[in-house]
N, C-alpha and C. Protein backbone atom coordinates (compact mmCIF):
# COMPACT_ATOMS: atom_id res chain seq x y z
N MET A 1 -16.99 -29.91 -12.73
CA MET A 1 -16.53 -28.75 -13.23
C MET A 1 -17.12 -27.61 -13.03
N SER A 2 -18.36 -27.73 -13.02
CA SER A 2 -19.26 -26.61 -12.65
C SER A 2 -19.38 -26.46 -10.89
N LYS A 3 -19.45 -25.05 -11.01
CA LYS A 3 -19.55 -24.62 -9.46
C LYS A 3 -20.87 -24.26 -9.13
N LEU A 4 -21.77 -24.54 -10.12
CA LEU A 4 -23.25 -24.19 -9.57
C LEU A 4 -23.95 -25.59 -9.41
N SER A 5 -25.04 -25.52 -8.45
CA SER A 5 -25.67 -26.70 -7.97
C SER A 5 -26.39 -27.21 -9.38
N PRO A 6 -26.92 -28.48 -9.47
CA PRO A 6 -27.52 -29.09 -10.44
C PRO A 6 -28.92 -28.18 -10.96
N PRO A 7 -29.75 -27.67 -9.87
CA PRO A 7 -30.95 -27.04 -10.09
C PRO A 7 -30.64 -25.44 -11.01
N ILE A 8 -29.52 -25.11 -10.48
CA ILE A 8 -29.17 -23.73 -10.99
C ILE A 8 -28.66 -24.04 -12.48
N ARG A 9 -28.00 -25.07 -12.59
CA ARG A 9 -27.53 -25.18 -13.97
C ARG A 9 -28.88 -25.27 -14.94
N LYS A 10 -29.83 -25.98 -14.22
CA LYS A 10 -30.76 -26.38 -15.05
C LYS A 10 -31.51 -25.21 -15.38
N MET A 11 -31.80 -24.22 -14.45
CA MET A 11 -32.33 -22.79 -14.79
C MET A 11 -31.73 -22.17 -15.97
N CYS A 12 -30.64 -22.63 -16.22
CA CYS A 12 -29.77 -22.08 -17.34
C CYS A 12 -30.13 -22.88 -18.85
N LEU A 13 -30.84 -24.00 -18.75
CA LEU A 13 -31.10 -24.73 -19.84
C LEU A 13 -32.28 -24.30 -20.52
N SER A 14 -32.27 -24.99 -21.76
CA SER A 14 -33.76 -24.62 -22.63
C SER A 14 -34.83 -25.30 -21.64
N ARG A 15 -35.98 -24.77 -22.31
CA ARG A 15 -37.40 -25.09 -21.66
C ARG A 15 -37.29 -26.89 -21.76
N LYS A 16 -37.03 -27.34 -23.04
CA LYS A 16 -37.15 -28.67 -23.19
C LYS A 16 -36.20 -29.37 -22.23
N ALA A 17 -35.25 -28.99 -22.06
CA ALA A 17 -34.01 -29.77 -21.17
C ALA A 17 -34.55 -29.41 -19.86
N GLN A 18 -35.38 -28.37 -19.55
CA GLN A 18 -35.75 -28.13 -18.23
C GLN A 18 -36.61 -29.23 -17.92
N GLU A 19 -37.50 -29.56 -18.79
CA GLU A 19 -38.93 -30.58 -18.54
C GLU A 19 -38.13 -31.93 -18.32
N GLU A 20 -36.96 -32.36 -18.94
CA GLU A 20 -36.40 -33.63 -18.72
C GLU A 20 -35.81 -33.96 -17.27
N GLU A 21 -35.48 -32.61 -16.70
CA GLU A 21 -34.71 -32.74 -15.39
C GLU A 21 -35.74 -32.05 -14.48
N SER A 22 -36.97 -32.20 -14.54
CA SER A 22 -37.73 -31.31 -13.48
C SER A 22 -38.03 -32.09 -12.16
N LYS A 23 -37.85 -33.51 -12.23
CA LYS A 23 -38.06 -34.14 -10.81
C LYS A 23 -37.12 -33.83 -10.03
N GLU A 24 -35.88 -33.93 -10.42
CA GLU A 24 -34.68 -33.43 -9.45
C GLU A 24 -34.70 -31.86 -8.97
N SER A 25 -35.26 -31.03 -9.98
CA SER A 25 -35.42 -29.69 -9.54
C SER A 25 -36.63 -29.27 -8.68
N ASP A 26 -37.66 -29.96 -8.99
CA ASP A 26 -38.57 -29.86 -8.01
C ASP A 26 -38.29 -30.39 -6.31
N GLU A 27 -37.57 -31.36 -6.37
CA GLU A 27 -37.20 -31.64 -5.02
C GLU A 27 -36.41 -30.50 -4.19
N TRP A 28 -35.34 -30.02 -5.15
CA TRP A 28 -34.36 -29.00 -4.89
C TRP A 28 -35.10 -27.80 -4.60
N LEU A 29 -36.18 -27.21 -5.39
CA LEU A 29 -36.90 -25.96 -5.18
C LEU A 29 -37.74 -26.18 -3.92
N SER A 30 -38.18 -27.40 -3.57
CA SER A 30 -39.24 -27.47 -2.21
C SER A 30 -38.03 -27.49 -0.96
N SER A 31 -36.99 -27.34 -1.26
CA SER A 31 -35.87 -27.45 -0.03
C SER A 31 -35.37 -26.03 0.04
N LEU A 32 -35.41 -25.12 -1.01
CA LEU A 32 -34.79 -24.14 -0.80
C LEU A 32 -35.37 -22.97 0.25
N GLN A 33 -34.49 -22.19 0.78
CA GLN A 33 -34.76 -21.14 1.83
C GLN A 33 -34.70 -19.92 1.16
N TYR A 34 -35.86 -19.18 1.05
CA TYR A 34 -35.88 -17.85 0.44
C TYR A 34 -35.88 -16.81 1.66
N LEU A 35 -35.30 -15.69 1.04
CA LEU A 35 -35.37 -14.45 1.82
C LEU A 35 -35.73 -13.24 1.19
N ASP A 36 -36.16 -12.22 1.91
CA ASP A 36 -36.40 -10.95 1.19
C ASP A 36 -34.74 -10.36 1.22
N ALA A 37 -34.71 -9.84 -0.13
CA ALA A 37 -33.20 -9.15 -0.41
C ALA A 37 -33.70 -7.89 -1.17
N ILE A 38 -32.68 -6.95 -0.98
CA ILE A 38 -32.73 -5.57 -1.54
C ILE A 38 -31.62 -5.07 -2.25
N ILE A 39 -31.13 -4.72 -3.42
CA ILE A 39 -30.08 -4.43 -3.88
C ILE A 39 -30.41 -2.86 -4.33
N ASN A 40 -29.72 -1.85 -3.99
CA ASN A 40 -30.47 -0.54 -4.24
C ASN A 40 -31.72 -0.48 -3.64
N ASP A 41 -32.53 -0.02 -4.56
CA ASP A 41 -33.96 -0.02 -4.29
C ASP A 41 -34.78 -1.09 -4.83
N LEU A 42 -34.20 -2.17 -5.48
CA LEU A 42 -34.60 -3.20 -6.07
C LEU A 42 -35.06 -4.32 -5.17
N THR A 43 -36.29 -4.55 -4.88
CA THR A 43 -36.63 -5.71 -4.08
C THR A 43 -36.67 -6.97 -4.88
N ILE A 44 -35.79 -7.97 -4.42
CA ILE A 44 -35.74 -9.38 -5.17
C ILE A 44 -36.28 -10.29 -4.48
N SER A 45 -37.71 -10.42 -4.95
CA SER A 45 -38.44 -11.49 -4.22
C SER A 45 -37.79 -13.16 -4.46
N GLU A 46 -37.28 -13.00 -5.74
CA GLU A 46 -36.87 -14.44 -5.87
C GLU A 46 -35.52 -14.44 -5.49
N SER A 47 -35.06 -14.50 -3.99
CA SER A 47 -33.77 -14.56 -3.42
C SER A 47 -33.79 -15.64 -2.51
N PHE A 48 -32.52 -16.41 -2.73
CA PHE A 48 -32.81 -17.61 -1.66
C PHE A 48 -31.31 -18.14 -1.56
N LEU A 49 -31.13 -19.06 -0.57
CA LEU A 49 -29.83 -19.79 -0.22
C LEU A 49 -29.60 -20.88 -1.00
N ASP A 50 -28.39 -21.22 -1.66
CA ASP A 50 -28.11 -22.37 -2.30
C ASP A 50 -26.86 -22.90 -2.06
N PRO A 51 -26.90 -23.64 -0.84
CA PRO A 51 -25.46 -24.07 -0.39
C PRO A 51 -24.88 -25.36 -1.52
N GLY A 52 -25.81 -25.57 -2.29
CA GLY A 52 -25.25 -26.43 -3.80
C GLY A 52 -24.37 -25.85 -4.56
N SER A 53 -24.42 -24.60 -4.51
CA SER A 53 -23.62 -23.76 -5.66
C SER A 53 -22.19 -23.35 -4.76
N GLU A 54 -21.09 -23.02 -5.54
CA GLU A 54 -19.97 -22.56 -4.80
C GLU A 54 -20.34 -21.35 -4.69
N PHE A 55 -20.73 -20.33 -5.71
CA PHE A 55 -20.82 -18.84 -5.69
C PHE A 55 -22.35 -18.44 -5.81
N GLY A 56 -22.39 -17.31 -5.70
CA GLY A 56 -23.82 -16.65 -5.82
C GLY A 56 -24.07 -16.14 -7.34
N GLY A 57 -25.27 -16.04 -7.68
CA GLY A 57 -25.48 -15.70 -9.02
C GLY A 57 -26.63 -14.55 -8.85
N ILE A 58 -26.74 -13.72 -9.86
CA ILE A 58 -27.69 -12.66 -10.33
C ILE A 58 -28.10 -13.04 -11.62
N ASN A 59 -29.51 -12.46 -11.85
CA ASN A 59 -29.97 -13.06 -13.54
C ASN A 59 -29.95 -11.86 -14.28
N ASP A 60 -30.14 -11.98 -15.48
CA ASP A 60 -30.27 -10.79 -16.35
C ASP A 60 -31.26 -9.82 -15.91
N PRO A 61 -32.50 -10.20 -15.63
CA PRO A 61 -33.37 -9.16 -15.18
C PRO A 61 -33.16 -8.35 -14.05
N ALA A 62 -32.57 -8.76 -13.15
CA ALA A 62 -31.95 -8.28 -11.99
C ALA A 62 -30.99 -7.00 -12.32
N ILE A 63 -29.89 -7.60 -13.26
CA ILE A 63 -28.96 -6.53 -13.79
C ILE A 63 -29.44 -5.62 -14.31
N LYS A 64 -30.44 -5.85 -15.35
CA LYS A 64 -30.97 -4.73 -16.20
C LYS A 64 -31.64 -3.68 -15.52
N ALA A 65 -32.50 -4.35 -14.40
CA ALA A 65 -33.12 -3.32 -13.57
C ALA A 65 -32.40 -2.63 -13.05
N LEU A 66 -31.16 -2.92 -12.44
CA LEU A 66 -30.24 -2.30 -11.92
C LEU A 66 -29.36 -1.27 -12.73
N GLY A 67 -29.32 -1.51 -13.94
CA GLY A 67 -28.74 -0.86 -15.18
C GLY A 67 -26.96 -0.86 -14.61
N TRP A 68 -26.50 -2.06 -14.35
CA TRP A 68 -25.22 -2.36 -14.26
C TRP A 68 -24.28 -2.93 -15.15
N LYS A 69 -23.28 -2.61 -15.26
CA LYS A 69 -22.09 -3.16 -16.30
C LYS A 69 -21.34 -4.03 -15.37
N ALA A 70 -20.86 -5.38 -15.83
CA ALA A 70 -20.01 -6.05 -15.11
C ALA A 70 -18.60 -5.57 -14.77
N ASP A 71 -18.29 -5.90 -13.46
CA ASP A 71 -16.97 -5.45 -13.00
C ASP A 71 -15.65 -5.94 -13.35
N LYS A 72 -15.84 -7.28 -13.73
CA LYS A 72 -14.71 -8.24 -14.39
C LYS A 72 -15.59 -9.20 -15.35
N PRO A 73 -15.00 -9.40 -16.37
CA PRO A 73 -15.30 -10.69 -17.21
C PRO A 73 -15.12 -12.00 -16.62
N SER A 74 -16.05 -12.75 -16.92
CA SER A 74 -15.93 -14.26 -16.27
C SER A 74 -15.35 -14.84 -17.59
N ASN A 75 -14.47 -15.93 -16.74
CA ASN A 75 -13.86 -16.87 -17.96
C ASN A 75 -14.06 -18.26 -17.54
N PHE A 76 -15.40 -18.51 -17.53
CA PHE A 76 -15.75 -20.12 -17.34
C PHE A 76 -16.97 -20.10 -17.92
N ALA A 77 -17.43 -21.47 -18.10
CA ALA A 77 -18.62 -21.95 -18.60
C ALA A 77 -19.41 -22.69 -17.61
N ILE A 78 -20.58 -22.67 -17.47
CA ILE A 78 -21.58 -23.60 -16.39
C ILE A 78 -21.84 -24.53 -17.27
N LYS A 79 -21.56 -25.78 -16.81
CA LYS A 79 -21.94 -26.93 -17.36
C LYS A 79 -22.91 -27.71 -16.88
N SER A 80 -23.95 -28.22 -17.52
CA SER A 80 -24.84 -29.06 -16.78
C SER A 80 -24.70 -30.66 -17.26
N ASN A 81 -24.42 -30.67 -18.59
CA ASN A 81 -24.13 -31.80 -19.28
C ASN A 81 -23.50 -31.68 -20.79
N SER A 82 -23.30 -32.66 -21.27
CA SER A 82 -22.43 -32.37 -22.56
C SER A 82 -22.99 -31.71 -23.71
N LYS A 83 -24.40 -31.70 -23.59
CA LYS A 83 -25.18 -30.87 -24.33
C LYS A 83 -25.47 -29.33 -24.31
N HIS A 84 -25.26 -29.10 -23.00
CA HIS A 84 -25.62 -27.68 -22.35
C HIS A 84 -24.68 -27.01 -21.79
N ILE A 85 -24.24 -25.98 -22.49
CA ILE A 85 -23.00 -25.28 -21.76
C ILE A 85 -23.29 -23.80 -21.86
N ILE A 86 -23.32 -23.04 -20.62
CA ILE A 86 -23.96 -21.73 -20.61
C ILE A 86 -22.59 -21.04 -20.13
N ASN A 87 -22.26 -19.84 -21.06
CA ASN A 87 -21.18 -19.05 -20.47
C ASN A 87 -21.80 -18.12 -19.37
N SER A 88 -20.63 -17.79 -18.34
CA SER A 88 -21.10 -16.76 -17.39
C SER A 88 -20.92 -15.51 -18.28
N LEU A 89 -21.86 -14.53 -17.60
CA LEU A 89 -21.99 -12.99 -18.49
C LEU A 89 -21.24 -12.17 -17.85
N GLY A 90 -20.52 -12.37 -16.77
CA GLY A 90 -19.57 -11.24 -16.08
C GLY A 90 -19.78 -11.39 -14.46
N TRP A 91 -18.94 -11.06 -13.74
CA TRP A 91 -18.83 -10.77 -12.45
C TRP A 91 -19.30 -9.43 -11.84
N TYR A 92 -19.86 -9.64 -10.85
CA TYR A 92 -20.32 -8.39 -10.06
C TYR A 92 -19.74 -8.40 -8.69
N THR A 93 -18.84 -7.39 -8.21
CA THR A 93 -18.06 -7.80 -7.11
C THR A 93 -18.62 -6.56 -5.94
N ASP A 94 -18.35 -6.93 -4.78
CA ASP A 94 -18.82 -6.14 -3.75
C ASP A 94 -20.06 -5.55 -3.63
N VAL A 95 -21.20 -6.38 -3.97
CA VAL A 95 -22.34 -5.98 -4.21
C VAL A 95 -23.22 -5.79 -2.72
N PRO A 96 -23.69 -4.90 -2.51
CA PRO A 96 -24.55 -4.70 -1.16
C PRO A 96 -25.85 -5.18 -1.23
N VAL A 97 -26.26 -6.20 -0.61
CA VAL A 97 -27.33 -6.78 -0.40
C VAL A 97 -27.80 -6.66 1.15
N THR A 98 -29.22 -5.84 0.91
CA THR A 98 -29.78 -5.60 2.41
C THR A 98 -30.86 -6.39 2.75
N LEU A 99 -30.57 -7.16 3.92
CA LEU A 99 -31.51 -7.97 4.39
C LEU A 99 -32.21 -7.52 5.67
N LYS A 100 -33.13 -7.87 6.32
CA LYS A 100 -33.69 -7.60 7.32
C LYS A 100 -33.83 -8.67 8.29
N ASP A 101 -33.42 -8.56 9.65
CA ASP A 101 -33.47 -9.53 10.61
C ASP A 101 -34.77 -9.79 11.33
N LYS A 102 -35.09 -11.01 12.24
CA LYS A 102 -36.11 -10.95 13.04
C LYS A 102 -36.63 -9.73 13.73
N GLU A 103 -35.63 -8.98 13.91
CA GLU A 103 -36.30 -7.87 14.95
C GLU A 103 -36.39 -6.50 14.02
N ASP A 104 -36.51 -6.74 12.79
CA ASP A 104 -36.55 -5.74 11.54
C ASP A 104 -35.48 -4.78 11.49
N LYS A 105 -34.27 -5.32 11.99
CA LYS A 105 -33.16 -4.43 11.67
C LYS A 105 -32.70 -4.64 10.45
N THR A 106 -32.04 -3.55 9.72
CA THR A 106 -31.47 -3.81 8.46
C THR A 106 -30.07 -4.27 8.54
N VAL A 107 -29.73 -5.12 7.81
CA VAL A 107 -28.25 -5.75 7.72
C VAL A 107 -28.05 -5.60 6.32
N THR A 108 -26.76 -5.24 6.06
CA THR A 108 -26.30 -5.17 4.44
C THR A 108 -24.84 -6.12 4.59
N VAL A 109 -24.91 -6.84 3.68
CA VAL A 109 -24.02 -7.89 3.39
C VAL A 109 -23.20 -7.84 1.87
N ILE A 110 -22.11 -7.87 1.84
CA ILE A 110 -21.43 -7.50 0.63
C ILE A 110 -21.02 -8.70 0.12
N GLY A 111 -21.29 -9.03 -1.16
CA GLY A 111 -21.03 -10.47 -1.92
C GLY A 111 -20.56 -10.05 -3.19
N ASN A 112 -20.05 -11.22 -3.74
CA ASN A 112 -19.62 -11.17 -5.33
C ASN A 112 -20.67 -12.29 -5.82
N PHE A 113 -21.11 -11.68 -7.00
CA PHE A 113 -22.13 -12.64 -8.08
C PHE A 113 -21.69 -12.85 -9.38
N VAL A 114 -22.16 -14.02 -10.12
CA VAL A 114 -21.87 -14.07 -11.53
C VAL A 114 -23.30 -13.80 -11.98
N ARG A 115 -23.47 -13.48 -13.12
CA ARG A 115 -24.59 -12.83 -13.94
C ARG A 115 -24.69 -14.25 -14.77
N ILE A 116 -25.85 -14.60 -14.87
CA ILE A 116 -26.60 -15.71 -15.51
C ILE A 116 -27.55 -15.48 -16.16
N ASP A 117 -27.97 -16.12 -17.40
CA ASP A 117 -29.19 -15.99 -18.09
C ASP A 117 -29.76 -17.28 -18.17
N ASN A 118 -30.77 -17.23 -16.95
CA ASN A 118 -31.67 -18.68 -16.76
C ASN A 118 -33.00 -18.50 -17.52
N GLY A 119 -33.27 -17.59 -18.19
CA GLY A 119 -34.59 -17.68 -18.99
C GLY A 119 -35.79 -16.93 -18.31
N GLU A 120 -35.55 -16.48 -16.95
CA GLU A 120 -36.47 -16.12 -16.20
C GLU A 120 -36.82 -14.66 -16.31
N THR A 121 -37.96 -14.13 -16.07
CA THR A 121 -38.46 -12.80 -16.44
C THR A 121 -38.42 -12.09 -15.29
N GLU A 122 -38.15 -12.40 -14.12
CA GLU A 122 -38.38 -11.78 -13.10
C GLU A 122 -36.76 -11.69 -12.35
N PRO A 123 -36.50 -10.60 -11.66
CA PRO A 123 -35.13 -10.81 -10.93
C PRO A 123 -34.96 -11.69 -10.04
N MET A 124 -33.74 -12.43 -10.13
CA MET A 124 -33.45 -13.59 -9.11
C MET A 124 -31.92 -13.33 -8.53
N LEU A 125 -31.78 -13.72 -7.46
CA LEU A 125 -30.46 -13.59 -6.72
C LEU A 125 -30.33 -15.10 -5.71
N PHE A 126 -29.15 -15.43 -6.03
CA PHE A 126 -29.10 -16.57 -5.14
C PHE A 126 -27.66 -16.50 -4.20
N PHE A 127 -27.67 -16.89 -2.97
CA PHE A 127 -26.44 -16.80 -2.33
C PHE A 127 -25.84 -18.18 -2.24
N GLY A 128 -24.57 -18.24 -2.91
CA GLY A 128 -23.81 -19.72 -3.04
C GLY A 128 -23.06 -19.92 -1.49
N MET A 129 -22.37 -20.97 -1.61
CA MET A 129 -21.53 -21.15 -0.45
C MET A 129 -20.44 -20.21 -0.14
N SER A 130 -19.75 -19.58 -0.99
CA SER A 130 -18.83 -18.75 -0.86
C SER A 130 -19.47 -17.31 -0.11
N ASN A 131 -20.63 -17.05 -0.44
CA ASN A 131 -21.36 -15.82 0.10
C ASN A 131 -21.88 -16.21 1.68
N ILE A 132 -22.30 -17.57 1.85
CA ILE A 132 -22.74 -18.06 3.09
C ILE A 132 -21.43 -18.16 4.11
N ARG A 133 -20.36 -18.53 3.52
CA ARG A 133 -19.25 -18.86 4.28
C ARG A 133 -18.81 -17.32 4.78
N LYS A 134 -18.82 -16.41 3.88
CA LYS A 134 -18.43 -15.14 4.03
C LYS A 134 -18.95 -14.51 5.22
N VAL A 135 -20.19 -14.82 5.70
CA VAL A 135 -20.82 -14.10 6.64
C VAL A 135 -21.11 -15.12 7.66
N GLN A 136 -20.47 -16.32 7.81
CA GLN A 136 -20.22 -17.42 8.70
C GLN A 136 -21.97 -18.01 8.95
N GLY A 137 -22.50 -17.90 7.81
CA GLY A 137 -23.87 -18.34 7.65
C GLY A 137 -24.14 -19.71 7.93
N ILE A 138 -25.09 -20.00 8.89
CA ILE A 138 -25.88 -21.18 9.19
C ILE A 138 -27.50 -21.44 8.55
N PRO A 139 -27.67 -22.05 7.57
CA PRO A 139 -29.10 -22.17 7.03
C PRO A 139 -29.85 -23.10 8.06
N GLU A 140 -30.87 -22.73 8.56
CA GLU A 140 -31.71 -23.77 9.54
C GLU A 140 -33.12 -23.69 8.80
N PRO A 141 -33.22 -24.65 8.05
CA PRO A 141 -34.71 -24.68 7.22
C PRO A 141 -35.80 -25.20 8.07
N ASN A 142 -35.46 -26.00 9.09
CA ASN A 142 -36.54 -26.38 10.16
C ASN A 142 -37.11 -25.34 11.11
N LYS A 143 -36.08 -24.08 11.06
CA LYS A 143 -36.39 -22.98 12.03
C LYS A 143 -36.96 -21.83 11.27
N ASN A 144 -36.71 -22.04 9.78
CA ASN A 144 -37.05 -20.82 8.82
C ASN A 144 -36.30 -19.67 9.14
N GLN A 145 -35.00 -19.86 9.50
CA GLN A 145 -34.10 -18.72 9.68
C GLN A 145 -32.83 -19.05 9.04
N PHE A 146 -31.96 -18.03 8.97
CA PHE A 146 -30.60 -17.95 8.45
C PHE A 146 -29.57 -17.31 9.31
N ARG A 147 -28.91 -17.89 10.12
CA ARG A 147 -28.19 -17.05 11.14
C ARG A 147 -26.97 -16.74 10.38
N ILE A 148 -26.63 -15.42 10.61
CA ILE A 148 -25.00 -14.72 10.29
C ILE A 148 -24.46 -14.05 11.27
N LYS A 149 -23.09 -13.96 10.99
CA LYS A 149 -22.38 -13.09 11.99
C LYS A 149 -21.53 -12.27 10.97
N LEU A 150 -21.88 -10.73 11.26
CA LEU A 150 -21.30 -9.73 10.52
C LEU A 150 -20.74 -8.73 11.59
N HIS A 151 -19.44 -8.51 11.33
CA HIS A 151 -18.61 -7.45 12.09
C HIS A 151 -18.78 -7.61 13.81
N GLY A 152 -18.76 -8.95 13.81
CA GLY A 152 -18.99 -9.39 15.34
C GLY A 152 -20.38 -9.43 15.82
N LYS A 153 -21.17 -9.10 15.25
CA LYS A 153 -22.71 -9.26 15.68
C LYS A 153 -23.44 -10.48 14.94
N ALA A 154 -24.29 -11.05 15.81
CA ALA A 154 -25.27 -12.21 15.39
C ALA A 154 -26.50 -11.56 14.79
N TYR A 155 -26.86 -12.15 13.76
CA TYR A 155 -28.33 -11.59 13.28
C TYR A 155 -28.90 -13.09 12.77
N THR A 156 -30.33 -12.96 12.89
CA THR A 156 -31.20 -13.99 12.61
C THR A 156 -31.92 -13.39 11.42
N ILE A 157 -31.79 -13.88 10.39
CA ILE A 157 -32.64 -13.65 8.97
C ILE A 157 -33.83 -14.70 8.92
N PRO A 158 -35.20 -14.10 9.09
CA PRO A 158 -35.91 -15.00 8.41
C PRO A 158 -36.01 -15.58 7.14
N THR A 159 -36.42 -16.73 6.92
CA THR A 159 -36.46 -17.37 5.70
C THR A 159 -37.78 -18.10 5.71
N PHE A 160 -38.29 -18.38 4.33
CA PHE A 160 -39.50 -19.10 4.09
C PHE A 160 -39.23 -20.15 2.83
N SER A 161 -40.13 -21.06 2.59
CA SER A 161 -40.16 -22.09 1.47
C SER A 161 -41.36 -21.73 0.64
N LYS A 162 -41.26 -22.19 -0.47
CA LYS A 162 -42.31 -22.07 -1.56
C LYS A 162 -42.66 -23.19 -1.88
N ALA A 163 -44.01 -23.72 -1.97
CA ALA A 163 -44.37 -25.02 -2.49
C ALA A 163 -44.10 -25.06 -3.96
N PRO A 164 -43.82 -26.32 -4.23
CA PRO A 164 -43.43 -26.35 -5.83
C PRO A 164 -44.86 -26.25 -6.67
N VAL A 165 -44.55 -25.64 -7.79
CA VAL A 165 -45.78 -25.75 -8.73
C VAL A 165 -45.86 -27.14 -9.45
N VAL A 166 -46.97 -27.63 -9.27
CA VAL A 166 -47.51 -28.75 -9.77
C VAL A 166 -47.95 -28.64 -11.30
N LYS A 167 -47.42 -29.27 -12.18
CA LYS A 167 -47.67 -29.15 -13.58
C LYS A 167 -48.61 -29.91 -14.06
N ASP A 168 -49.64 -29.80 -14.98
CA ASP A 168 -50.61 -30.63 -15.38
C ASP A 168 -49.59 -31.65 -16.53
N PRO A 169 -50.14 -32.91 -16.53
CA PRO A 169 -49.39 -33.87 -17.34
C PRO A 169 -49.75 -33.30 -18.91
N PRO A 170 -49.15 -33.51 -20.04
CA PRO A 170 -49.49 -33.44 -21.51
C PRO A 170 -50.69 -33.97 -21.58
N LYS A 171 -51.57 -33.50 -22.41
CA LYS A 171 -52.90 -34.17 -22.97
C LYS A 171 -52.65 -35.57 -23.49
N GLU A 172 -51.64 -35.74 -24.23
CA GLU A 172 -51.60 -37.11 -24.64
C GLU A 172 -51.35 -38.20 -23.60
N ASN A 173 -50.70 -37.82 -22.52
CA ASN A 173 -50.54 -38.86 -21.31
C ASN A 173 -52.05 -38.98 -20.69
N GLN A 174 -52.86 -37.88 -20.61
CA GLN A 174 -54.07 -37.87 -19.93
C GLN A 174 -54.85 -38.95 -20.67
N GLU A 175 -54.67 -38.82 -22.07
CA GLU A 175 -55.71 -39.54 -23.17
C GLU A 175 -55.21 -41.04 -23.07
N SER A 176 -53.85 -41.50 -22.94
CA SER A 176 -53.39 -42.82 -22.98
C SER A 176 -53.79 -43.18 -21.68
N ALA A 177 -53.79 -42.56 -20.57
CA ALA A 177 -54.06 -43.06 -19.14
C ALA A 177 -55.51 -43.31 -19.04
N ASN A 178 -56.31 -42.81 -19.71
CA ASN A 178 -57.96 -42.71 -19.80
C ASN A 178 -58.42 -43.87 -20.56
N SER A 179 -57.48 -44.20 -21.85
CA SER A 179 -57.84 -45.33 -22.59
C SER A 179 -57.56 -46.65 -22.07
N SER A 180 -56.38 -46.54 -21.02
CA SER A 180 -55.88 -47.68 -20.42
C SER A 180 -56.73 -48.00 -19.16
N ASN A 181 -57.63 -47.26 -18.68
CA ASN A 181 -58.24 -47.37 -17.44
C ASN A 181 -59.72 -46.90 -17.88
N PRO A 182 -60.55 -48.01 -18.65
CA PRO A 182 -61.67 -47.59 -18.95
C PRO A 182 -62.67 -47.10 -17.72
N THR A 183 -63.56 -46.03 -17.90
CA THR A 183 -64.36 -45.58 -16.63
C THR A 183 -65.78 -45.43 -17.02
N SER A 184 -65.81 -44.97 -18.45
CA SER A 184 -67.37 -44.94 -18.67
C SER A 184 -68.07 -46.52 -18.92
N GLU A 185 -69.34 -46.53 -18.88
CA GLU A 185 -69.82 -47.64 -18.77
C GLU A 185 -69.98 -48.22 -20.14
N GLU A 186 -69.91 -47.34 -21.39
CA GLU A 186 -69.66 -48.22 -22.71
C GLU A 186 -68.39 -48.75 -22.83
N ASP A 187 -67.19 -48.05 -22.08
CA ASP A 187 -65.64 -48.59 -22.06
C ASP A 187 -65.77 -50.08 -21.33
N LEU A 188 -66.37 -50.05 -20.11
CA LEU A 188 -66.42 -51.34 -19.59
C LEU A 188 -67.41 -52.52 -20.04
N LYS A 189 -68.33 -51.96 -21.03
CA LYS A 189 -68.82 -52.97 -21.78
C LYS A 189 -68.08 -53.30 -23.09
N LYS A 190 -67.43 -52.71 -23.69
CA LYS A 190 -66.48 -53.12 -24.62
C LYS A 190 -65.51 -53.91 -24.28
N SER A 191 -64.88 -53.52 -22.91
CA SER A 191 -63.66 -54.52 -22.43
C SER A 191 -64.18 -55.62 -21.99
N ALA A 192 -65.60 -55.85 -21.59
CA ALA A 192 -66.10 -57.29 -20.91
C ALA A 192 -66.25 -58.14 -22.21
N LYS A 193 -66.59 -57.60 -23.36
CA LYS A 193 -67.23 -58.34 -24.70
C LYS A 193 -65.65 -58.90 -25.03
N SER A 194 -64.79 -57.91 -25.04
CA SER A 194 -63.48 -58.36 -25.77
C SER A 194 -62.72 -59.58 -24.95
N LEU A 195 -63.00 -59.56 -23.66
CA LEU A 195 -62.74 -60.54 -22.60
C LEU A 195 -63.47 -61.82 -22.88
N LYS A 196 -64.62 -61.66 -23.27
CA LYS A 196 -65.46 -63.00 -23.18
C LYS A 196 -65.10 -63.64 -24.53
N SER A 197 -64.75 -62.84 -25.67
CA SER A 197 -64.48 -63.27 -27.13
C SER A 197 -63.05 -63.87 -27.05
N ALA A 198 -62.25 -63.44 -26.06
CA ALA A 198 -60.74 -63.99 -25.90
C ALA A 198 -60.99 -65.28 -25.34
N SER A 199 -62.01 -65.67 -24.40
CA SER A 199 -61.76 -66.82 -23.68
C SER A 199 -62.63 -67.84 -24.38
């Protein structure tokens, strides 16, 4: 039912639910192609291509920074599983997004985006398949570029990847790992004694 990719749906979930789905998201995040995008005078550094989502999205902090009101109400829910359903918060149509190509020429693409509340504090924008198709876009992650055609002209937009953030395991997991793998001399002696008494 959902027209958002699983990781975008995940961004809309609670923090606890996010932790449960982090492995899938880490793989997805490392595959994203980021690009520099500007709407009005707002630079959105968290802009990326998401071919797994049918449509593009923009989050609350971006909308608040722009001071916009929705053009159209949205009438659908974003569902990740039976426990987590997030309502879309409105449509923003004909949004001019400015990109720079490899020759530093400014290119403005027009797109429609749904507003989401993903719990992030920084502005975020993503281009879904409807946005990518509209500009006849071809993402080329191996070349770090996104080729588009606009008004009969071809442009190559530079893209980049971000390394996934590695989270430390919870302390309880570290403690249990340490107790199952004795490393101190005292731990080794205790283990040897218990083995001797068992035989």
